[in-house]
């Protein structure tokens, strides 16, 4: 039993040290001036979105490709529109946080083909991307 526990602890430490996992930022850890990349997936008739693939494969893959310049990421799953009879505007929204636009460009550029090439594995939606600066 002790050996199994030690093995699990070592495996977790190994994953952490190898950069296989990017920590999620909390709102208190975001800083004014950070760059936030927001990827929105609009809800339209005939569009599909595989949240399981997105959350468990695509976003972790992208986080690993971005490496240490990535300060955190998050995922929102759309559940309702503004009112009960309003159509859900977005099926999902993903976020990436960087210290600067240059850090984002340097992380995304060399990996763009692989990242964009994975999109058809989870959706047939053309995402809308907003690059913004955290002000509060």
C-alpha atoms as a PDB file:
ATOM      1  CA  UNK A   1       0.000   0.000   0.000  1.00  0.00           C
ATOM      2  CA  UNK A   2       2.816   2.431   0.932  1.00  0.00           C
ATOM      3  CA  UNK A   3       4.577   1.707  -2.363  1.00  0.00           C
ATOM      4  CA  UNK A   4       1.402   2.489  -4.329  1.00  0.00           C
ATOM      5  CA  UNK A   5       0.913   5.800  -2.497  1.00  0.00           C
ATOM      6  CA  UNK A   6       4.557   6.778  -3.058  1.00  0.00           C
ATOM      7  CA  UNK A   7       4.261   5.895  -6.761  1.00  0.00           C
ATOM      8  CA  UNK A   8       1.140   8.061  -7.135  1.00  0.00           C
ATOM      9  CA  UNK A   9       2.819  10.990  -5.362  1.00  0.00           C
ATOM     10  CA  UNK A  10       5.900  10.683  -7.579  1.00  0.00           C
ATOM     11  CA  UNK A  11       3.718  10.526 -10.701  1.00  0.00           C
ATOM     12  CA  UNK A  12       1.884  13.716  -9.705  1.00  0.00           C
ATOM     13  CA  UNK A  13       5.162  15.508  -8.928  1.00  0.00           C
ATOM     14  CA  UNK A  14       6.618  14.332 -12.236  1.00  0.00           C
ATOM     15  CA  UNK A  15       3.632  15.661 -14.193  1.00  0.00           C
ATOM     16  CA  UNK A  16       3.850  18.989 -12.404  1.00  0.00           C
ATOM     17  CA  UNK A  17       7.591  19.384 -12.948  1.00  0.00           C
ATOM     18  CA  UNK A  18       7.417  18.382 -16.620  1.00  0.00           C
ATOM     19  CA  UNK A  19       5.018  21.195 -17.418  1.00  0.00           C
ATOM     20  CA  UNK A  20       2.234  18.815 -18.394  1.00  0.00           C
ATOM     21  CA  UNK A  21      -0.272  20.787 -16.389  1.00  0.00           C
ATOM     22  CA  UNK A  22      -0.902  24.528 -16.440  1.00  0.00           C
ATOM     23  CA  UNK A  23      -2.454  25.964 -13.311  1.00  0.00           C
ATOM     24  CA  UNK A  24      -5.768  27.753 -13.642  1.00  0.00           C
ATOM     25  CA  UNK A  25      -5.742  31.381 -12.584  1.00  0.00           C
ATOM     26  CA  UNK A  26      -8.246  32.562 -10.059  1.00  0.00           C
ATOM     27  CA  UNK A  27      -9.767  36.011 -10.398  1.00  0.00           C
ATOM     28  CA  UNK A  28      -7.518  37.227  -7.571  1.00  0.00           C
ATOM     29  CA  UNK A  29      -4.435  36.059  -9.514  1.00  0.00           C
ATOM     30  CA  UNK A  30      -5.229  37.949 -12.711  1.00  0.00           C
ATOM     31  CA  UNK A  31      -3.330  41.194 -12.871  1.00  0.00           C
ATOM     32  CA  UNK A  32      -4.153  44.495 -14.471  1.00  0.00           C
ATOM     33  CA  UNK A  33      -2.368  44.655 -17.803  1.00  0.00           C
ATOM     34  CA  UNK A  34      -2.437  40.918 -18.492  1.00  0.00           C
ATOM     35  CA  UNK A  35      -3.516  39.887 -21.974  1.00  0.00           C
ATOM     36  CA  UNK A  36      -6.615  37.709 -22.160  1.00  0.00           C
ATOM     37  CA  UNK A  37      -7.361  35.654 -25.266  1.00  0.00           C
ATOM     38  CA  UNK A  38     -11.081  34.859 -25.422  1.00  0.00           C
ATOM     39  CA  UNK A  39     -12.286  32.225 -27.895  1.00  0.00           C
ATOM     40  CA  UNK A  40     -16.071  32.200 -28.295  1.00  0.00           C
ATOM     41  CA  UNK A  41     -18.096  29.490 -30.031  1.00  0.00           C
ATOM     42  CA  UNK A  42     -21.426  30.992 -31.206  1.00  0.00           C
ATOM     43  CA  UNK A  43     -24.545  28.838 -31.032  1.00  0.00           C
ATOM     44  CA  UNK A  44     -26.174  28.512 -34.443  1.00  0.00           C
ATOM     45  CA  UNK A  45     -28.484  25.950 -36.002  1.00  0.00           C
ATOM     46  CA  UNK A  46     -26.640  22.846 -37.165  1.00  0.00           C
ATOM     47  CA  UNK A  47     -23.516  23.607 -35.127  1.00  0.00           C
ATOM     48  CA  UNK A  48     -22.008  21.022 -32.794  1.00  0.00           C
ATOM     49  CA  UNK A  49     -19.555  21.204 -29.909  1.00  0.00           C
ATOM     50  CA  UNK A  50     -17.930  18.333 -27.992  1.00  0.00           C
ATOM     51  CA  UNK A  51     -17.254  19.804 -24.541  1.00  0.00           C
ATOM     52  CA  UNK A  52     -15.588  16.638 -23.258  1.00  0.00           C
ATOM     53  CA  UNK A  53     -12.983  16.691 -26.051  1.00  0.00           C
ATOM     54  CA  UNK A  54     -12.487  20.456 -25.702  1.00  0.00           C
ATOM     55  CA  UNK A  55     -12.015  20.386 -21.930  1.00  0.00           C
ATOM     56  CA  UNK A  56     -10.007  17.176 -21.642  1.00  0.00           C
ATOM     57  CA  UNK A  57      -7.941  17.091 -24.833  1.00  0.00           C
ATOM     58  CA  UNK A  58      -7.873  20.329 -26.836  1.00  0.00           C
ATOM     59  CA  UNK A  59      -7.354  22.909 -24.090  1.00  0.00           C
ATOM     60  CA  UNK A  60      -4.737  20.854 -22.178  1.00  0.00           C
ATOM     61  CA  UNK A  61      -2.910  20.229 -25.482  1.00  0.00           C
ATOM     62  CA  UNK A  62      -2.882  23.964 -26.242  1.00  0.00           C
ATOM     63  CA  UNK A  63      -1.746  24.764 -22.687  1.00  0.00           C
ATOM     64  CA  UNK A  64       1.153  22.339 -23.077  1.00  0.00           C
ATOM     65  CA  UNK A  65       2.090  23.820 -26.461  1.00  0.00           C
ATOM     66  CA  UNK A  66       2.046  27.358 -25.020  1.00  0.00           C
ATOM     67  CA  UNK A  67       4.283  26.305 -22.122  1.00  0.00           C
ATOM     68  CA  UNK A  68       5.456  28.687 -19.401  1.00  0.00           C
ATOM     69  CA  UNK A  69       4.412  31.939 -21.151  1.00  0.00           C
ATOM     70  CA  UNK A  70       0.809  30.821 -20.520  1.00  0.00           C
ATOM     71  CA  UNK A  71      -0.210  32.030 -17.061  1.00  0.00           C
ATOM     72  CA  UNK A  72      -3.538  30.186 -16.941  1.00  0.00           C
ATOM     73  CA  UNK A  73      -6.624  29.203 -18.849  1.00  0.00           C
ATOM     74  CA  UNK A  74     -10.305  28.654 -18.276  1.00  0.00           C
ATOM     75  CA  UNK A  75     -13.404  27.240 -19.926  1.00  0.00           C
ATOM     76  CA  UNK A  76     -17.045  28.312 -19.716  1.00  0.00           C
ATOM     77  CA  UNK A  77     -19.876  26.039 -20.864  1.00  0.00           C
ATOM     78  CA  UNK A  78     -22.935  27.960 -22.051  1.00  0.00           C
ATOM     79  CA  UNK A  79     -26.133  26.938 -20.280  1.00  0.00           C
ATOM     80  CA  UNK A  80     -28.713  29.645 -21.041  1.00  0.00           C
ATOM     81  CA  UNK A  81     -29.426  32.950 -22.705  1.00  0.00           C
ATOM     82  CA  UNK A  82     -30.251  36.168 -20.878  1.00  0.00           C
ATOM     83  CA  UNK A  83     -33.941  35.240 -20.523  1.00  0.00           C
ATOM     84  CA  UNK A  84     -35.671  31.832 -20.425  1.00  0.00           C
ATOM     85  CA  UNK A  85     -36.893  32.142 -24.036  1.00  0.00           C
ATOM     86  CA  UNK A  86     -33.677  33.573 -25.449  1.00  0.00           C
ATOM     87  CA  UNK A  87     -31.429  31.243 -27.446  1.00  0.00           C
ATOM     88  CA  UNK A  88     -28.104  30.340 -25.834  1.00  0.00           C
ATOM     89  CA  UNK A  89     -25.669  32.783 -27.529  1.00  0.00           C
ATOM     90  CA  UNK A  90     -22.458  30.746 -27.080  1.00  0.00           C
ATOM     91  CA  UNK A  91     -21.966  27.014 -26.598  1.00  0.00           C
ATOM     92  CA  UNK A  92     -18.552  27.538 -25.014  1.00  0.00           C
ATOM     93  CA  UNK A  93     -15.929  30.174 -24.309  1.00  0.00           C
ATOM     94  CA  UNK A  94     -12.253  29.484 -23.671  1.00  0.00           C
ATOM     95  CA  UNK A  95      -9.709  31.845 -22.101  1.00  0.00           C
ATOM     96  CA  UNK A  96      -5.921  32.062 -22.093  1.00  0.00           C
ATOM     97  CA  UNK A  97      -3.922  34.540 -19.990  1.00  0.00           C
ATOM     98  CA  UNK A  98      -0.472  35.917 -20.829  1.00  0.00           C
ATOM     99  CA  UNK A  99       1.699  38.694 -19.438  1.00  0.00           C
ATOM    100  CA  UNK A 100       1.864  40.451 -22.833  1.00  0.00           C
ATOM    101  CA  UNK A 101       0.628  40.312 -26.413  1.00  0.00           C
ATOM    102  CA  UNK A 102       4.174  39.443 -27.467  1.00  0.00           C
ATOM    103  CA  UNK A 103       4.188  36.425 -25.155  1.00  0.00           C
ATOM    104  CA  UNK A 104       0.927  35.254 -26.730  1.00  0.00           C
ATOM    105  CA  UNK A 105       2.149  35.805 -30.294  1.00  0.00           C
ATOM    106  CA  UNK A 106       5.408  33.952 -29.580  1.00  0.00           C
ATOM    107  CA  UNK A 107       3.497  31.021 -28.054  1.00  0.00           C
ATOM    108  CA  UNK A 108       0.735  30.823 -30.661  1.00  0.00           C
ATOM    109  CA  UNK A 109       2.706  31.458 -33.867  1.00  0.00           C
ATOM    110  CA  UNK A 110       4.841  28.310 -33.951  1.00  0.00           C
ATOM    111  CA  UNK A 111       1.877  26.182 -32.819  1.00  0.00           C
ATOM    112  CA  UNK A 112      -0.928  27.732 -34.886  1.00  0.00           C
ATOM    113  CA  UNK A 113      -1.165  24.910 -37.416  1.00  0.00           C
ATOM    114  CA  UNK A 114      -1.472  22.194 -34.766  1.00  0.00           C
ATOM    115  CA  UNK A 115      -3.948  24.190 -32.657  1.00  0.00           C
ATOM    116  CA  UNK A 116      -6.180  25.214 -35.564  1.00  0.00           C
ATOM    117  CA  UNK A 117      -5.937  21.737 -37.075  1.00  0.00           C
ATOM    118  CA  UNK A 118      -7.481  20.241 -33.934  1.00  0.00           C
ATOM    119  CA  UNK A 119     -10.649  22.374 -34.070  1.00  0.00           C
ATOM    120  CA  UNK A 120     -12.578  19.956 -36.351  1.00  0.00           C
ATOM    121  CA  UNK A 121     -12.114  17.259 -33.693  1.00  0.00           C
ATOM    122  CA  UNK A 122     -14.561  19.030 -31.370  1.00  0.00           C
ATOM    123  CA  UNK A 123     -16.651  21.514 -33.366  1.00  0.00           C
ATOM    124  CA  UNK A 124     -17.872  22.700 -36.743  1.00  0.00           C
ATOM    125  CA  UNK A 125     -18.108  26.286 -35.454  1.00  0.00           C
ATOM    126  CA  UNK A 126     -15.773  29.038 -36.628  1.00  0.00           C
ATOM    127  CA  UNK A 127     -14.671  30.593 -33.323  1.00  0.00           C
ATOM    128  CA  UNK A 128     -14.700  34.323 -32.653  1.00  0.00           C
ATOM    129  CA  UNK A 129     -11.484  35.512 -30.985  1.00  0.00           C
ATOM    130  CA  UNK A 130     -11.096  38.629 -28.837  1.00  0.00           C
ATOM    131  CA  UNK A 131      -7.706  39.742 -27.528  1.00  0.00           C
ATOM    132  CA  UNK A 132      -8.099  42.114 -24.616  1.00  0.00           C
ATOM    133  CA  UNK A 133      -6.244  43.656 -21.701  1.00  0.00           C
ATOM    134  CA  UNK A 134      -7.353  43.009 -18.140  1.00  0.00           C
ATOM    135  CA  UNK A 135      -8.350  46.365 -16.614  1.00  0.00           C
ATOM    136  CA  UNK A 136      -9.963  45.248 -13.351  1.00  0.00           C
END
